[in-house]
Amino acid sequence: MKARLKKLASPPYPDIICEIDGCEIGIEVAHLYGSQRDARLTFGRSKPIEKTMEHRVKHAMVPLNDRIPYDLNVILNSKAQKNYPGVTWLLIRNAYPLWDFNDFQSYIDQINIPDCHHFENIWLLCDRQGLSDAIRLYPSNKL
């Protein structure tokens, strides 16, 4: 497969316009952090209440195997509500350092692709550095 970045785009277009094997494809990029709180902590934007011991303990008590698939499904549902001009792929980049390809494979049955969405392909990059494998979520490879 030969790919080339053509341009960065703004709404209503997807984030990136590429040429892949001679076809122009829009790529919408989303990031999975584990939770909104985890995302805010990653960027140093946590809310004052999130720094309290009570709140930190409450958040830590939610198991990762509940939190990560749930937030991934929130992203999938949110992106499914949008329409993009032309052929578009969704690329979800896992930015949560404690999960990788094997973790996502273990919970693949908890990942719910909405019945109605605009994407030709949906891919999950399973770690921040792109060192572990990617999973094609749609069309599904499941039998």
Protein backbone atom coordinates (compact mmCIF):
# COMPACT_ATOMS: atom_id res chain seq x y z
CA MET A 1 0.00 0.00 0.00
CA LYS A 2 1.37 3.38 -1.00
CA ALA A 3 0.19 6.39 1.06
CA ARG A 4 0.91 10.09 0.80
CA LEU A 5 -0.27 13.02 2.92
CA LYS A 6 -2.01 15.58 0.73
CA LYS A 7 -3.16 18.15 3.29
CA LEU A 8 -4.43 18.85 6.78
CA ALA A 9 -8.07 19.84 6.65
CA SER A 10 -10.72 21.61 8.72
CA PRO A 11 -14.40 20.71 9.32
CA PRO A 12 -16.57 19.64 7.63
CA TYR A 13 -13.67 17.63 6.18
CA PRO A 14 -11.83 14.94 8.15
CA ASP A 15 -8.55 15.89 9.85
CA ILE A 16 -6.24 14.63 7.10
CA ILE A 17 -6.61 14.09 3.38
CA CYS A 18 -4.33 11.34 2.05
CA GLU A 19 -3.78 9.57 -1.19
CA ILE A 20 -3.69 5.81 -0.65
CA ASP A 21 -3.01 3.62 -3.67
CA GLY A 22 -4.10 6.46 -5.94
CA CYS A 23 -7.41 7.12 -4.13
CA GLU A 24 -8.12 10.27 -2.10
CA ILE A 25 -9.17 9.27 1.42
CA GLY A 26 -10.08 11.47 4.35
CA ILE A 27 -8.87 10.32 7.74
CA GLU A 28 -10.62 11.45 10.91
CA VAL A 29 -8.34 11.00 13.94
CA ALA A 30 -9.54 10.47 17.52
CA HIS A 31 -7.57 9.76 20.68
CA LEU A 32 -8.47 7.35 23.48
CA TYR A 33 -7.12 8.34 26.90
CA GLY A 34 -9.02 5.98 29.21
CA SER A 35 -11.45 8.63 30.46
CA GLN A 36 -11.99 12.36 30.21
CA ARG A 37 -10.26 12.67 33.57
CA ASP A 38 -7.25 10.74 32.26
CA ALA A 39 -7.10 13.04 29.24
CA ARG A 40 -7.17 16.14 31.44
CA LEU A 41 -4.42 14.70 33.64
CA THR A 42 -2.31 13.93 30.57
CA PHE A 43 -2.47 17.56 29.49
CA GLY A 44 -2.16 19.06 32.98
CA ARG A 45 -5.73 20.39 32.94
CA SER A 46 -7.29 18.45 35.80
CA LYS A 47 -10.10 20.05 37.76
CA PRO A 48 -9.43 20.98 41.41
CA ILE A 49 -11.91 18.36 42.68
CA GLU A 50 -10.03 15.66 40.70
CA LYS A 51 -6.96 16.28 42.84
CA THR A 52 -8.72 15.39 46.09
CA MET A 53 -7.92 11.99 47.59
CA GLU A 54 -11.62 11.02 47.64
CA HIS A 55 -12.04 11.70 43.92
CA ARG A 56 -8.75 9.99 43.01
CA VAL A 57 -9.73 6.85 44.94
CA LYS A 58 -13.22 6.84 43.40
CA HIS A 59 -11.73 7.07 39.89
CA ALA A 60 -9.14 4.38 40.63
CA MET A 61 -11.88 2.00 41.74
CA VAL A 62 -13.35 1.86 38.22
CA PRO A 63 -11.56 -1.11 36.62
CA LEU A 64 -9.64 -0.42 33.41
CA ASN A 65 -11.49 -3.26 31.69
CA ASP A 66 -14.69 -1.23 32.23
CA ARG A 67 -13.25 2.23 31.63
CA ILE A 68 -11.29 1.71 28.41
CA PRO A 69 -13.90 -0.16 26.29
CA TYR A 70 -16.60 2.23 27.56
CA ASP A 71 -14.67 5.33 26.47
CA LEU A 72 -13.76 3.73 23.15
CA ASN A 73 -17.47 3.11 22.53
CA VAL A 74 -18.23 6.74 23.43
CA ILE A 75 -15.75 7.87 20.77
CA LEU A 76 -17.23 5.48 18.19
CA ASN A 77 -20.77 6.70 18.90
CA SER A 78 -19.75 10.35 18.80
CA LYS A 79 -17.90 10.03 15.49
CA ALA A 80 -20.77 8.01 13.98
CA GLN A 81 -22.98 11.10 14.33
CA LYS A 82 -20.83 13.10 11.91
CA ASN A 83 -20.88 13.15 8.12
CA TYR A 84 -17.84 13.82 5.99
CA PRO A 85 -17.60 14.56 2.28
CA GLY A 86 -15.97 11.75 0.31
CA VAL A 87 -14.47 8.45 1.39
CA THR A 88 -13.45 8.65 5.05
CA TRP A 89 -11.65 6.37 7.47
CA LEU A 90 -11.67 6.71 11.25
CA LEU A 91 -8.35 6.23 13.01
CA ILE A 92 -8.48 5.94 16.80
CA ARG A 93 -5.12 6.28 18.50
CA ASN A 94 -4.82 4.74 21.94
CA ALA A 95 -2.97 7.21 24.13
CA TYR A 96 -3.52 5.26 27.36
CA PRO A 97 -0.11 3.79 28.28
CA LEU A 98 -1.38 0.79 30.26
CA TRP A 99 -3.26 -0.82 27.36
CA ASP A 100 -1.87 -2.31 24.16
CA PHE A 101 -2.87 -4.70 21.37
CA ASN A 102 -3.27 -7.74 23.64
CA ASP A 103 -5.57 -5.86 26.03
CA PHE A 104 -7.83 -4.66 23.21
CA GLN A 105 -7.91 -8.16 21.72
CA SER A 106 -9.05 -9.52 25.10
CA TYR A 107 -12.00 -7.11 25.17
CA ILE A 108 -12.82 -7.01 21.46
CA ASP A 109 -16.38 -8.27 22.11
CA GLN A 110 -17.07 -5.19 24.26
CA ILE A 111 -16.26 -2.80 21.42
CA ASN A 112 -19.49 -1.78 19.69
CA ILE A 113 -19.42 -0.34 16.21
CA PRO A 114 -22.60 1.70 15.61
CA ASP A 115 -24.88 0.29 12.91
CA CYS A 116 -24.98 3.60 11.08
CA HIS A 117 -21.78 5.57 10.43
CA HIS A 118 -19.99 7.22 7.50
CA PHE A 119 -16.66 5.34 7.62
CA GLU A 120 -15.27 2.95 5.01
CA ASN A 121 -12.75 1.67 7.57
CA ILE A 122 -12.27 2.08 11.32
CA TRP A 123 -8.81 1.34 12.72
CA LEU A 124 -7.52 1.28 16.29
CA LEU A 125 -3.81 1.99 16.78
CA CYS A 126 -3.21 0.12 20.00
CA ASP A 127 -0.41 2.18 21.56
CA ARG A 128 1.01 5.69 21.52
CA GLN A 129 4.21 4.83 19.70
CA GLY A 130 2.62 2.55 17.11
CA LEU A 131 4.84 -0.35 18.18
CA SER A 132 2.09 -2.85 18.90
CA ASP A 133 -0.29 -3.92 16.19
CA ALA A 134 -3.40 -2.16 14.92
CA ILE A 135 -6.89 -3.64 14.88
CA ARG A 136 -9.31 -3.08 12.04
CA LEU A 137 -12.65 -2.62 13.81
CA TYR A 138 -14.68 -2.06 10.64
CA PRO A 139 -15.21 -3.83 8.41
CA SER A 140 -14.81 -6.54 10.98
CA ASN A 141 -12.35 -9.38 10.62
CA LYS A 142 -14.54 -11.52 12.89
CA LEU A 143 -16.09 -14.64 11.44
